[in-house]
Structure formats: C-alpha cells, structure tokens
C-alpha atoms as a PDB file:
ATOM      1  CA  MET A   1     201.590  94.033  97.286  1.00  0.00           C
ATOM      2  CA  MET A   2     198.936  95.766  95.422  1.00  0.00           C
ATOM      3  CA  SER A   3     196.235  97.525  97.682  1.00  0.00           C
ATOM      4  CA  ARG A   4     192.549  96.088  97.698  1.00  0.00           C
ATOM      5  CA  SER A   5     191.048  98.992  96.135  1.00  0.00           C
ATOM      6  CA  ALA A   6     193.994  99.637  93.692  1.00  0.00           C
ATOM      7  CA  LEU A   7     193.419  96.122  92.640  1.00  0.00           C
ATOM      8  CA  LEU A   8     189.481  96.535  91.892  1.00  0.00           C
ATOM      9  CA  MET A   9     190.503 100.111  90.280  1.00  0.00           C
ATOM     10  CA  LEU A  10     192.454  97.735  88.075  1.00  0.00           C
ATOM     11  CA  VAL A  11     189.805  95.099  87.347  1.00  0.00           C
ATOM     12  CA  VAL A  12     187.137  97.522  86.584  1.00  0.00           C
ATOM     13  CA  LEU A  13     189.697  99.448  84.118  1.00  0.00           C
ATOM     14  CA  VAL A  14     190.325  96.716  82.348  1.00  0.00           C
ATOM     15  CA  ALA A  15     186.313  95.375  82.330  1.00  0.00           C
ATOM     16  CA  SER A  16     186.009  98.922  80.970  1.00  0.00           C
ATOM     17  CA  ALA A  17     188.017  98.862  78.264  1.00  0.00           C
ATOM     18  CA  CYS A  18     186.502  95.683  77.456  1.00  0.00           C
ATOM     19  CA  GLY A  19     182.884  96.333  77.395  1.00  0.00           C
ATOM     20  CA  LYS A  20     182.851  99.509  75.740  1.00  0.00           C
ATOM     21  CA  PRO A  21     180.433  99.634  73.155  1.00  0.00           C
ATOM     22  CA  GLY A  22     180.778 100.135  69.473  1.00  0.00           C
ATOM     23  CA  SER A  23     180.850 103.356  67.104  1.00  0.00           C
ATOM     24  CA  SER A  24     178.693 105.974  69.182  1.00  0.00           C
ATOM     25  CA  GLY A  25     176.166 105.698  66.601  1.00  0.00           C
ATOM     26  CA  GLU A  26     175.617 101.834  67.233  1.00  0.00           C
ATOM     27  CA  TYR A  27     175.713 102.602  70.949  1.00  0.00           C
ATOM     28  CA  VAL A  28     172.753 105.282  70.419  1.00  0.00           C
ATOM     29  CA  LYS A  29     170.553 103.011  68.346  1.00  0.00           C
ATOM     30  CA  GLN A  30     171.112 100.245  70.961  1.00  0.00           C
ATOM     31  CA  ILE A  31     169.478 102.291  73.798  1.00  0.00           C
ATOM     32  CA  GLU A  32     167.135 103.809  71.525  1.00  0.00           C
ATOM     33  CA  ALA A  33     165.660 100.235  70.565  1.00  0.00           C
ATOM     34  CA  TRP A  34     165.837  99.671  74.285  1.00  0.00           C
ATOM     35  CA  ARG A  35     163.823 102.645  74.951  1.00  0.00           C
ATOM     36  CA  ALA A  36     161.783 101.750  72.273  1.00  0.00           C
ATOM     37  CA  LYS A  37     161.298  97.946  73.801  1.00  0.00           C
ATOM     38  CA  HIS A  38     160.762  99.448  77.367  1.00  0.00           C
ATOM     39  CA  GLU A  39     157.908 101.669  76.495  1.00  0.00           C
ATOM     40  CA  ALA A  40     156.011  99.124  74.694  1.00  0.00           C
ATOM     41  CA  ASP A  41     156.195  96.735  77.618  1.00  0.00           C
ATOM     42  CA  TYR A  42     154.682  99.661  80.165  1.00  0.00           C
ATOM     43  CA  ARG A  43     152.255 100.510  77.843  1.00  0.00           C
ATOM     44  CA  LYS A  44     150.816  97.281  77.601  1.00  0.00           C
ATOM     45  CA  GLU A  45     151.752  96.338  81.508  1.00  0.00           C
ATOM     46  CA  TYR A  46     150.747  99.096  83.038  1.00  0.00           C
ATOM     47  CA  VAL A  47     149.227 102.025  81.495  1.00  0.00           C
ATOM     48  CA  GLY A  48     145.888 100.345  81.418  1.00  0.00           C
ATOM     49  CA  LEU A  49     145.497  99.669  84.883  1.00  0.00           C
ATOM     50  CA  ALA A  50     142.209 101.510  86.139  1.00  0.00           C
ATOM     51  CA  GLY A  51     141.810 100.188  89.583  1.00  0.00           C
ATOM     52  CA  LEU A  52     143.234  98.343  92.679  1.00  0.00           C
ATOM     53  CA  PHE A  53     140.814  96.811  95.718  1.00  0.00           C
ATOM     54  CA  PHE A  54     142.450  95.475  98.694  1.00  0.00           C
ATOM     55  CA  LEU A  55     140.356  92.664  99.864  1.00  0.00           C
ATOM     56  CA  LYS A  56     138.735  92.257 103.318  1.00  0.00           C
ATOM     57  CA  PRO A  57     138.712  88.605 104.753  1.00  0.00           C
ATOM     58  CA  GLY A  58     135.272  86.701 103.410  1.00  0.00           C
ATOM     59  CA  PRO A  59     133.038  87.779 100.869  1.00  0.00           C
ATOM     60  CA  ASN A  60     133.804  91.024  98.567  1.00  0.00           C
ATOM     61  CA  LYS A  61     131.082  91.830  96.145  1.00  0.00           C
ATOM     62  CA  ALA A  62     132.261  93.351  92.851  1.00  0.00           C
ATOM     63  CA  GLY A  63     130.069  95.144  90.035  1.00  0.00           C
ATOM     64  CA  SER A  64     129.927  98.537  88.926  1.00  0.00           C
ATOM     65  CA  ALA A  65     127.309  99.803  91.751  1.00  0.00           C
ATOM     66  CA  ALA A  66     128.822 102.513  93.897  1.00  0.00           C
ATOM     67  CA  GLY A  67     128.446  99.786  97.203  1.00  0.00           C
ATOM     68  CA  ASN A  68     130.446  97.367  95.756  1.00  0.00           C
ATOM     69  CA  ASP A  69     133.817  96.359  97.707  1.00  0.00           C
ATOM     70  CA  VAL A  70     135.252  95.764  94.141  1.00  0.00           C
ATOM     71  CA  VAL A  71     133.647  98.764  92.046  1.00  0.00           C
ATOM     72  CA  LEU A  72     134.218  98.457  88.043  1.00  0.00           C
ATOM     73  CA  PRO A  73     133.487 101.146  85.605  1.00  0.00           C
ATOM     74  CA  PRO A  74     130.415 102.051  84.946  1.00  0.00           C
ATOM     75  CA  SER A  75     129.933 100.265  81.113  1.00  0.00           C
ATOM     76  CA  ALA A  76     130.086  96.272  83.730  1.00  0.00           C
ATOM     77  CA  PRO A  77     126.983  95.494  85.329  1.00  0.00           C
ATOM     78  CA  GLY A  78     125.831  96.543  88.825  1.00  0.00           C
ATOM     79  CA  GLU A  79     126.786  92.935  90.045  1.00  0.00           C
ATOM     80  CA  VAL A  80     129.228  90.463  88.470  1.00  0.00           C
ATOM     81  CA  GLY A  81     129.912  88.030  91.647  1.00  0.00           C
ATOM     82  CA  THR A  82     131.554  87.880  94.652  1.00  0.00           C
ATOM     83  CA  PHE A  83     135.730  87.527  95.687  1.00  0.00           C
ATOM     84  CA  LEU A  84     136.086  85.297  98.344  1.00  0.00           C
ATOM     85  CA  LEU A  85     139.084  85.975 100.714  1.00  0.00           C
ATOM     86  CA  ASP A  86     140.109  82.916 102.990  1.00  0.00           C
ATOM     87  CA  GLY A  87     142.578  83.249 105.114  1.00  0.00           C
ATOM     88  CA  ALA A  88     145.769  84.570 104.014  1.00  0.00           C
ATOM     89  CA  ASN A  89     146.135  83.918 100.585  1.00  0.00           C
ATOM     90  CA  ASN A  90     143.137  81.977  98.903  1.00  0.00           C
ATOM     91  CA  VAL A  91     140.840  84.194  96.612  1.00  0.00           C
ATOM     92  CA  ARG A  92     137.965  82.374  95.091  1.00  0.00           C
ATOM     93  CA  PHE A  93     135.593  83.688  92.438  1.00  0.00           C
ATOM     94  CA  GLU A  94     131.517  83.069  92.869  1.00  0.00           C
ATOM     95  CA  PRO A  95     129.601  84.251  90.169  1.00  0.00           C
ATOM     96  CA  GLY A  96     126.549  86.197  90.387  1.00  0.00           C
ATOM     97  CA  ALA A  97     124.952  85.023  87.387  1.00  0.00           C
ATOM     98  CA  PRO A  98     125.832  82.540  84.097  1.00  0.00           C
ATOM     99  CA  GLY A  99     127.498  84.579  81.331  1.00  0.00           C
ATOM    100  CA  LEU A 100     128.309  87.635  83.374  1.00  0.00           C
ATOM    101  CA  VAL A 101     131.998  86.634  83.731  1.00  0.00           C
ATOM    102  CA  THR A 102     134.677  85.131  81.563  1.00  0.00           C
ATOM    103  CA  LEU A 103     137.723  83.358  82.212  1.00  0.00           C
ATOM    104  CA  ASN A 104     140.256  82.375  78.469  1.00  0.00           C
ATOM    105  CA  GLY A 105     137.164  83.017  76.491  1.00  0.00           C
ATOM    106  CA  LYS A 106     134.923  80.653  78.203  1.00  0.00           C
ATOM    107  CA  SER A 107     132.268  81.666  80.902  1.00  0.00           C
ATOM    108  CA  VAL A 108     132.172  81.498  84.698  1.00  0.00           C
ATOM    109  CA  ASP A 109     129.185  80.167  86.032  1.00  0.00           C
ATOM    110  CA  GLN A 110     131.120  77.975  88.894  1.00  0.00           C
ATOM    111  CA  PRO A 111     132.889  79.048  91.576  1.00  0.00           C
ATOM    112  CA  ILE A 112     136.750  79.115  91.083  1.00  0.00           C
ATOM    113  CA  ASP A 113     139.853  79.899  93.022  1.00  0.00           C
ATOM    114  CA  LEU A 114     142.237  82.401  91.384  1.00  0.00           C
ATOM    115  CA  LYS A 115     146.066  82.341  90.394  1.00  0.00           C
ATOM    116  CA  SER A 116     147.519  85.243  91.454  1.00  0.00           C
ATOM    117  CA  ASP A 117     149.747  87.249  89.124  1.00  0.00           C
ATOM    118  CA  ALA A 118     152.560  86.328  91.008  1.00  0.00           C
ATOM    119  CA  ALA A 119     152.214  82.590  89.692  1.00  0.00           C
ATOM    120  CA  LYS A 120     153.666  81.362  86.121  1.00  0.00           C
ATOM    121  CA  PRO A 121     152.829  81.722  83.613  1.00  0.00           C
ATOM    122  CA  GLY A 122     150.519  84.371  84.498  1.00  0.00           C
ATOM    123  CA  PRO A 123     147.393  85.202  86.985  1.00  0.00           C
ATOM    124  CA  ASP A 124     143.767  83.442  86.286  1.00  0.00           C
ATOM    125  CA  GLU A 125     142.311  86.724  83.727  1.00  0.00           C
ATOM    126  CA  LEU A 126     138.879  87.604  84.884  1.00  0.00           C
ATOM    127  CA  THR A 127     137.285  89.992  81.927  1.00  0.00           C
ATOM    128  CA  VAL A 128     133.816  91.434  82.298  1.00  0.00           C
ATOM    129  CA  GLY A 129     133.498  93.073  78.722  1.00  0.00           C
ATOM    130  CA  SER A 130     135.996  95.149  78.006  1.00  0.00           C
ATOM    131  CA  VAL A 131     137.722  95.009  81.511  1.00  0.00           C
ATOM    132  CA  ALA A 132     139.709  92.639  82.999  1.00  0.00           C
ATOM    133  CA  MET A 133     140.527  91.961  86.524  1.00  0.00           C
ATOM    134  CA  TRP A 134     143.155  89.291  88.499  1.00  0.00           C
ATOM    135  CA  VAL A 135     144.248  88.800  92.067  1.00  0.00           C
ATOM    136  CA  HIS A 136     147.308  91.022  92.719  1.00  0.00           C
ATOM    137  CA  PRO A 137     149.456  90.404  95.668  1.00  0.00           C
ATOM    138  CA  SER A 138     151.173  93.427  97.946  1.00  0.00           C
ATOM    139  CA  GLY A 139     153.041  92.125 100.799  1.00  0.00           C
ATOM    140  CA  ASP A 140     151.141  89.825 103.249  1.00  0.00           C
ATOM    141  CA  ARG A 141     147.723  91.539 101.174  1.00  0.00           C
ATOM    142  CA  ARG A 142     145.294  90.036  98.418  1.00  0.00           C
ATOM    143  CA  ALA A 143     144.315  92.670  95.840  1.00  0.00           C
ATOM    144  CA  ILE A 144     142.026  92.791  92.690  1.00  0.00           C
ATOM    145  CA  ARG A 145     143.460  94.571  89.841  1.00  0.00           C
ATOM    146  CA  LEU A 146     141.745  95.957  87.116  1.00  0.00           C
ATOM    147  CA  ARG A 147     142.842  96.642  83.247  1.00  0.00           C
ATOM    148  CA  ASP A 148     140.603  98.991  81.411  1.00  0.00           C
ATOM    149  CA  GLU A 149     141.984 100.297  78.196  1.00  0.00           C
ATOM    150  CA  GLN A 150     139.392 103.158  77.758  1.00  0.00           C
ATOM    151  CA  GLY A 151     139.572 103.917  81.428  1.00  0.00           C
ATOM    152  CA  GLU A 152     141.190 107.506  82.622  1.00  0.00           C
ATOM    153  CA  MET A 153     144.340 106.639  83.816  1.00  0.00           C
ATOM    154  CA  ALA A 154     145.225 105.069  79.784  1.00  0.00           C
ATOM    155  CA  ARG A 155     143.208 108.126  78.151  1.00  0.00           C
ATOM    156  CA  SER A 156     144.978 110.947  80.331  1.00  0.00           C
ATOM    157  CA  PHE A 157     148.425 108.660  79.748  1.00  0.00           C
ATOM    158  CA  ALA A 158     151.316 111.665  79.109  1.00  0.00           C
ATOM    159  CA  GLY A 159     153.851 109.308  77.501  1.00  0.00           C
ATOM    160  CA  PHE A 160     157.917 108.914  78.171  1.00  0.00           C
ATOM    161  CA  HIS A 161     160.361 111.391  78.475  1.00  0.00           C
ATOM    162  CA  TRP A 162     163.794 110.691  78.528  1.00  0.00           C
ATOM    163  CA  PHE A 163     167.504 112.499  78.765  1.00  0.00           C
ATOM    164  CA  PRO A 164     169.637 112.703  76.242  1.00  0.00           C
ATOM    165  CA  ILE A 165     171.945 109.361  75.793  1.00  0.00           C
ATOM    166  CA  ASP A 166     175.001 110.158  77.841  1.00  0.00           C
ATOM    167  CA  PRO A 167     177.906 107.321  77.673  1.00  0.00           C
ATOM    168  CA  LYS A 168     179.263 108.768  80.347  1.00  0.00           C
ATOM    169  CA  TYR A 169     176.569 107.216  82.797  1.00  0.00           C
ATOM    170  CA  ARG A 170     177.546 103.867  80.982  1.00  0.00           C
ATOM    171  CA  ILE A 171     179.977 102.571  83.683  1.00  0.00           C
ATOM    172  CA  VAL A 172     181.013  99.108  84.632  1.00  0.00           C
ATOM    173  CA  ALA A 173     180.784  98.376  88.434  1.00  0.00           C
ATOM    174  CA  LYS A 174     182.713  95.243  90.577  1.00  0.00           C
ATOM    175  CA  PHE A 175     180.428  92.540  92.632  1.00  0.00           C
ATOM    176  CA  THR A 176     181.598  91.758  95.778  1.00  0.00           C
ATOM    177  CA  LYS A 177     179.140  88.976  97.178  1.00  0.00           C
ATOM    178  CA  ASP A 178     178.391  89.096 100.985  1.00  0.00           C
ATOM    179  CA  THR A 179     180.070  87.168 103.482  1.00  0.00           C
ATOM    180  CA  GLU A 180     176.601  85.302 104.756  1.00  0.00           C
ATOM    181  CA  PRO A 181     174.869  82.986 101.618  1.00  0.00           C
ATOM    182  CA  PRO A 182     172.122  85.225  99.989  1.00  0.00           C
ATOM    183  CA  ARG A 183     169.286  86.321 102.229  1.00  0.00           C
ATOM    184  CA  GLN A 184     165.851  87.849 101.515  1.00  0.00           C
ATOM    185  CA  VAL A 185     164.968  91.412 102.677  1.00  0.00           C
ATOM    186  CA  LYS A 186     161.835  93.293 102.947  1.00  0.00           C
ATOM    187  CA  VAL A 187     161.548  96.394 101.203  1.00  0.00           C
ATOM    188  CA  PRO A 188     159.064  99.126 101.685  1.00  0.00           C
ATOM    189  CA  THR A 189     156.757  99.929  98.809  1.00  0.00           C
ATOM    190  CA  LEU A 190     154.266 103.150  98.176  1.00  0.00           C
ATOM    191  CA  THR A 191     150.957 101.090  99.347  1.00  0.00           C
ATOM    192  CA  GLY A 192     152.713 100.471 103.054  1.00  0.00           C
ATOM    193  CA  ASP A 193     153.243  96.548 102.328  1.00  0.00           C
ATOM    194  CA  TYR A 194     156.757  95.118 101.588  1.00  0.00           C
ATOM    195  CA  ALA A 195     158.069  93.350  98.576  1.00  0.00           C
ATOM    196  CA  THR A 196     160.566  90.052  99.483  1.00  0.00           C
ATOM    197  CA  TYR A 197     163.613  90.276  97.181  1.00  0.00           C
ATOM    198  CA  THR A 198     166.784  88.380  97.219  1.00  0.00           C
ATOM    199  CA  THR A 199     170.309  90.029  97.843  1.00  0.00           C
ATOM    200  CA  GLU A 200     173.447  88.569  97.747  1.00  0.00           C
ATOM    201  CA  GLY A 201     176.104  90.899  96.938  1.00  0.00           C
ATOM    202  CA  THR A 202     176.739  94.948  96.550  1.00  0.00           C
ATOM    203  CA  VAL A 203     178.169  96.424  93.518  1.00  0.00           C
ATOM    204  CA  GLU A 204     180.964  99.275  93.848  1.00  0.00           C
ATOM    205  CA  PHE A 205     182.140 101.833  90.948  1.00  0.00           C
ATOM    206  CA  GLN A 206     184.051 105.214  90.802  1.00  0.00           C
ATOM    207  CA  PHE A 207     182.295 108.118  89.696  1.00  0.00           C
ATOM    208  CA  GLU A 208     183.277 111.960  89.562  1.00  0.00           C
ATOM    209  CA  GLY A 209     185.877 111.053  92.093  1.00  0.00           C
ATOM    210  CA  GLN A 210     183.656 109.374  94.351  1.00  0.00           C
ATOM    211  CA  THR A 211     183.471 105.536  95.282  1.00  0.00           C
ATOM    212  CA  ILE A 212     179.658 104.451  95.678  1.00  0.00           C
ATOM    213  CA  HIS A 213     178.274 101.517  96.714  1.00  0.00           C
ATOM    214  CA  MET A 214     174.978  99.983  95.731  1.00  0.00           C
ATOM    215  CA  ARG A 215     172.863  97.022  97.313  1.00  0.00           C
ATOM    216  CA  PRO A 216     171.589  95.410  93.895  1.00  0.00           C
ATOM    217  CA  MET A 217     168.422  92.783  93.785  1.00  0.00           C
ATOM    218  CA  THR A 218     169.054  89.445  92.569  1.00  0.00           C
ATOM    219  CA  THR A 219     165.490  88.475  90.567  1.00  0.00           C
ATOM    220  CA  ARG A 220     167.350  85.289  89.090  1.00  0.00           C
ATOM    221  CA  PRO A 221     170.896  83.882  88.800  1.00  0.00           C
ATOM    222  CA  LYS A 222     173.226  86.804  87.154  1.00  0.00           C
ATOM    223  CA  ARG A 223     170.134  89.068  86.503  1.00  0.00           C
ATOM    224  CA  LEU A 224     170.465  92.485  89.365  1.00  0.00           C
ATOM    225  CA  PHE A 225     167.724  95.057  89.987  1.00  0.00           C
ATOM    226  CA  LEU A 226     168.559  98.628  91.369  1.00  0.00           C
ATOM    227  CA  ILE A 227     165.993 100.683  93.144  1.00  0.00           C
ATOM    228  CA  PHE A 228     167.540 103.644  93.643  1.00  0.00           C
ATOM    229  CA  ARG A 229     167.094 107.752  94.029  1.00  0.00           C
ATOM    230  CA  ASP A 230     170.427 110.300  93.288  1.00  0.00           C
ATOM    231  CA  GLY A 231     171.061 113.543  93.609  1.00  0.00           C
ATOM    232  CA  THR A 232     168.163 114.631  90.848  1.00  0.00           C
ATOM    233  CA  SER A 233     164.918 112.395  92.467  1.00  0.00           C
ATOM    234  CA  GLY A 234     162.447 115.146  93.193  1.00  0.00           C
ATOM    235  CA  HIS A 235     163.556 118.111  90.834  1.00  0.00           C
ATOM    236  CA  GLU A 236     164.401 116.492  86.882  1.00  0.00           C
ATOM    237  CA  THR A 237     163.623 112.548  88.330  1.00  0.00           C
ATOM    238  CA  TYR A 238     160.648 111.385  89.826  1.00  0.00           C
ATOM    239  CA  ALA A 239     160.801 111.603  93.814  1.00  0.00           C
ATOM    240  CA  ALA A 240     160.530 108.076  94.938  1.00  0.00           C
ATOM    241  CA  ALA A 241     162.339 105.871  92.805  1.00  0.00           C
ATOM    242  CA  ARG A 242     163.721 104.391  89.699  1.00  0.00           C
ATOM    243  CA  PHE A 243     164.752 101.097  88.456  1.00  0.00           C
ATOM    244  CA  LEU A 244     167.757  99.878  86.441  1.00  0.00           C
ATOM    245  CA  TYR A 245     168.341  96.081  85.487  1.00  0.00           C
ATOM    246  CA  ALA A 246     172.527  94.888  84.542  1.00  0.00           C
ATOM    247  CA  ASP A 247     173.538  91.022  83.956  1.00  0.00           C
ATOM    248  CA  LEU A 248     176.592  90.228  86.412  1.00  0.00           C
ATOM    249  CA  ASN A 249     179.392  89.308  83.904  1.00  0.00           C
ATOM    250  CA  ASP A 250     181.238  85.662  85.108  1.00  0.00           C
ATOM    251  CA  ASP A 251     184.316  88.069  85.892  1.00  0.00           C
ATOM    252  CA  GLY A 252     182.703  89.760  88.506  1.00  0.00           C
ATOM    253  CA  THR A 253     181.763  93.150  86.789  1.00  0.00           C
ATOM    254  CA  THR A 254     178.303  94.886  86.175  1.00  0.00           C
ATOM    255  CA  VAL A 255     177.541  97.211  83.102  1.00  0.00           C
ATOM    256  CA  LEU A 256     175.455 100.004  85.163  1.00  0.00           C
ATOM    257  CA  ASP A 257     174.123 102.110  82.333  1.00  0.00           C
ATOM    258  CA  PHE A 258     172.230 104.992  83.754  1.00  0.00           C
ATOM    259  CA  ASN A 259     170.621 105.395  80.299  1.00  0.00           C
ATOM    260  CA  GLU A 260     168.150 102.528  80.672  1.00  0.00           C
ATOM    261  CA  ALA A 261     167.434 104.206  84.378  1.00  0.00           C
ATOM    262  CA  TYR A 262     163.597 104.325  84.149  1.00  0.00           C
ATOM    263  CA  ASN A 263     160.387 105.276  86.468  1.00  0.00           C
ATOM    264  CA  PRO A 264     158.480 102.831  88.233  1.00  0.00           C
ATOM    265  CA  PRO A 265     154.932 102.794  87.039  1.00  0.00           C
ATOM    266  CA  CYS A 266     153.486 104.125  90.293  1.00  0.00           C
ATOM    267  CA  SER A 267     154.653 107.932  88.741  1.00  0.00           C
ATOM    268  CA  PHE A 268     152.088 107.417  86.437  1.00  0.00           C
ATOM    269  CA  ASN A 269     149.004 105.305  87.842  1.00  0.00           C
ATOM    270  CA  ALA A 270     148.004 104.971  90.767  1.00  0.00           C
ATOM    271  CA  TYR A 271     147.353 101.376  91.060  1.00  0.00           C
ATOM    272  CA  THR A 272     150.513 100.213  91.381  1.00  0.00           C
ATOM    273  CA  THR A 273     152.712  98.901  94.353  1.00  0.00           C
ATOM    274  CA  CYS A 274     156.403 100.158  93.919  1.00  0.00           C
ATOM    275  CA  PRO A 275     159.023  99.393  96.042  1.00  0.00           C
ATOM    276  CA  LEU A 276     161.303 102.122  97.913  1.00  0.00           C
ATOM    277  CA  PRO A 277     165.206 102.011  97.522  1.00  0.00           C
ATOM    278  CA  PRO A 278     166.642 100.206 100.245  1.00  0.00           C
ATOM    279  CA  PRO A 279     169.428 102.920 102.648  1.00  0.00           C
ATOM    280  CA  GLU A 280     172.460 102.012 100.663  1.00  0.00           C
ATOM    281  CA  ASN A 281     170.772 102.826  97.289  1.00  0.00           C
ATOM    282  CA  ARG A 282     170.007 106.150  98.088  1.00  0.00           C
ATOM    283  CA  LEU A 283     172.831 108.291  96.482  1.00  0.00           C
ATOM    284  CA  SER A 284     173.632 112.132  96.989  1.00  0.00           C
ATOM    285  CA  ILE A 285     175.363 112.284  93.258  1.00  0.00           C
ATOM    286  CA  ARG A 286     173.302 113.529  90.479  1.00  0.00           C
ATOM    287  CA  LEU A 287     172.588 111.248  87.401  1.00  0.00           C
ATOM    288  CA  PRO A 288     170.550 113.399  85.260  1.00  0.00           C
ATOM    289  CA  VAL A 289     169.922 110.690  82.606  1.00  0.00           C
ATOM    290  CA  GLY A 290     167.228 108.113  81.426  1.00  0.00           C
ATOM    291  CA  GLU A 291     164.285 108.575  82.565  1.00  0.00           C
ATOM    292  CA  LYS A 292     162.976 112.149  83.113  1.00  0.00           C
ATOM    293  CA  ASP A 293     160.042 112.976  85.721  1.00  0.00           C
ATOM    294  CA  TYR A 294     156.415 112.297  84.139  1.00  0.00           C
ATOM    295  CA  PRO A 295     154.831 115.736  84.262  1.00  0.00           C
ATOM    296  CA  ASN A 296     151.597 114.406  86.238  1.00  0.00           C
ATOM    297  CA  HIS A 297     151.789 112.515  89.256  1.00  0.00           C
ATOM    298  CA  PRO A 298     148.424 110.626  90.504  1.00  0.00           C
ATOM    299  CA  ALA A 299     146.814 110.674  93.818  1.00  0.00           C
ATOM    300  CA  HIS A 300     147.967 107.090  95.013  1.00  0.00           C
ATOM    301  CA  LEU A 301     145.874 104.991  97.139  1.00  0.00           C
ATOM    302  CA  THR A 302     146.316 105.250 100.975  1.00  0.00           C
ATOM    303  CA  PRO A 303     146.851 101.601 102.716  1.00  0.00           C
END
C-alpha cells in the first residue's frame, strides 16, 4: 500500500503536470498583467493615504488646527467638525458648520452615523476639498483614515520593484483541512492590534528537497491568503511580511505562484495596519522572487 507521503507526492506531481502554464512567453505575459493590475489597485487604494488617527471615547475634534485630535492637511479649515466614538464601535460625525464637509457630493449639515471600510460595499467617505476621511477599524479600535493625493506620502512614492519572473517558483501544493471545523484566529499587526481571520487547513509542498508547510487564511470559499516571511526577508525583500493569494482547486491542490508575492502597503505608507505572519509561515527557505523590498520604509505610528 502506498504511504501517505508518497500518495501526496503523486497527487502533487500529477497536478503539476496538469497545471503547468502554456508557453514561457504566455506565462510571462500573465504575470506581467497581474503585476500591472496589482500596481494600479495599490496606487488607487494605498499610495494616497495621508493620516491615521485613533479615536478616544467621546468627542474627537477634526480640522487643520494643531490642537485637533484628527489633524487635516493645511488646505482644510481649522475646524470642520467632531467625530464622536460611542462605545467600542459606533462613530458619529457632527459637522462644525454647513457646507464644510460633503458625503457623496452632498453637504453634511446634520450629525451622521458612519459606516467603516469593513462594511460592504464600502465606507461613508467624507470629503473636505481634496481630502477624504473615513472610519477604519484596527482590531478593537477605531481610527479615522485620510487620503490626500497631493500629500507628502503620495508625492514621495518610489514605485514598485520586482524580481525577474521565474517559473521555478510556481509551485503546486496540496491543501489539507484541519480535523476541527474552520476557526477564527487573531493575527498581530504592525500597530499592535489583532486582525481576525478564518483558517481551515494547511498547504504542503516540496521545495529544494524540503517539505514545507504553511497556514493560509480563507478570505472567501476556495480563496487562500498567505502572510509569510522567508530567508530573503529583511535583505532583498520587506522584513515584516509579504502577501500571496491562491485559489483552491476541487482536487485539493492549489498553485502558489511566488512570482505574485507582494509587499503589504505598510512597506511604503505609514498609515496602514498590516498583519504579521503566523509562526507556521516564517520560512527558512529563500524565495528571491515576486516584489523586492521598498527602498525607503516610513516611520510607522506607535499604537
């Protein structure tokens, strides 16, 4: 009878043969297209972030004046209103005067309860001139996040830098479900909070004679999210972590293409709240592929 490890290797080898990309030229084009979309998405979502202000219970005044709790860029009025944190989760905005702040193009003239960026389809985004602000949860805390496309973070962004594409790092792995039902785990973040994810199993693959196990998070059915470090972290690649997404196939295999491994936004923007790798995903092997380290790391906010 075939051993479990031998059976696993047979499954992975068959899946590898079936899951190989087309010609090398086609494969390179696929990865280049993925990288171009990733860069466009990240520029839109993270490059322009210009502030992250954790709210204290009760009133938190907002405006460009230095004494405010939420300090806006100098282009904004000195006082625009107050964010009121009621309990642990509820945030209400009370405008300081009519016409200073808009929501969906309409003036906010009355107090309004705000949806955060954890809500679907998205947050209630308040605007003051060219500056946007909204509620961002970080663990159990609530913060106001700002976006200013003309701010220092956006103007100093140094771009994305990638290793050459190498098919060697397109690896077929086997997913094994945990014996217990899917569970939620708390993953520490750079801001000292904890992000909650669902996990339901591990992936296993062979690399340079080693058997590697990693624990992905499940972001939606059959969609795996890996937060990891490897032997290049802190040298050629970002020290804190890199991210990788993969789809789970019906046969229990998944393709881990580390050519698509990328930096979290905290590598280049201080106003982000990035998760750190769980112990299972701190690898000793070197993966010099995917996104390279960002040249100038920002000074991150202290919790």
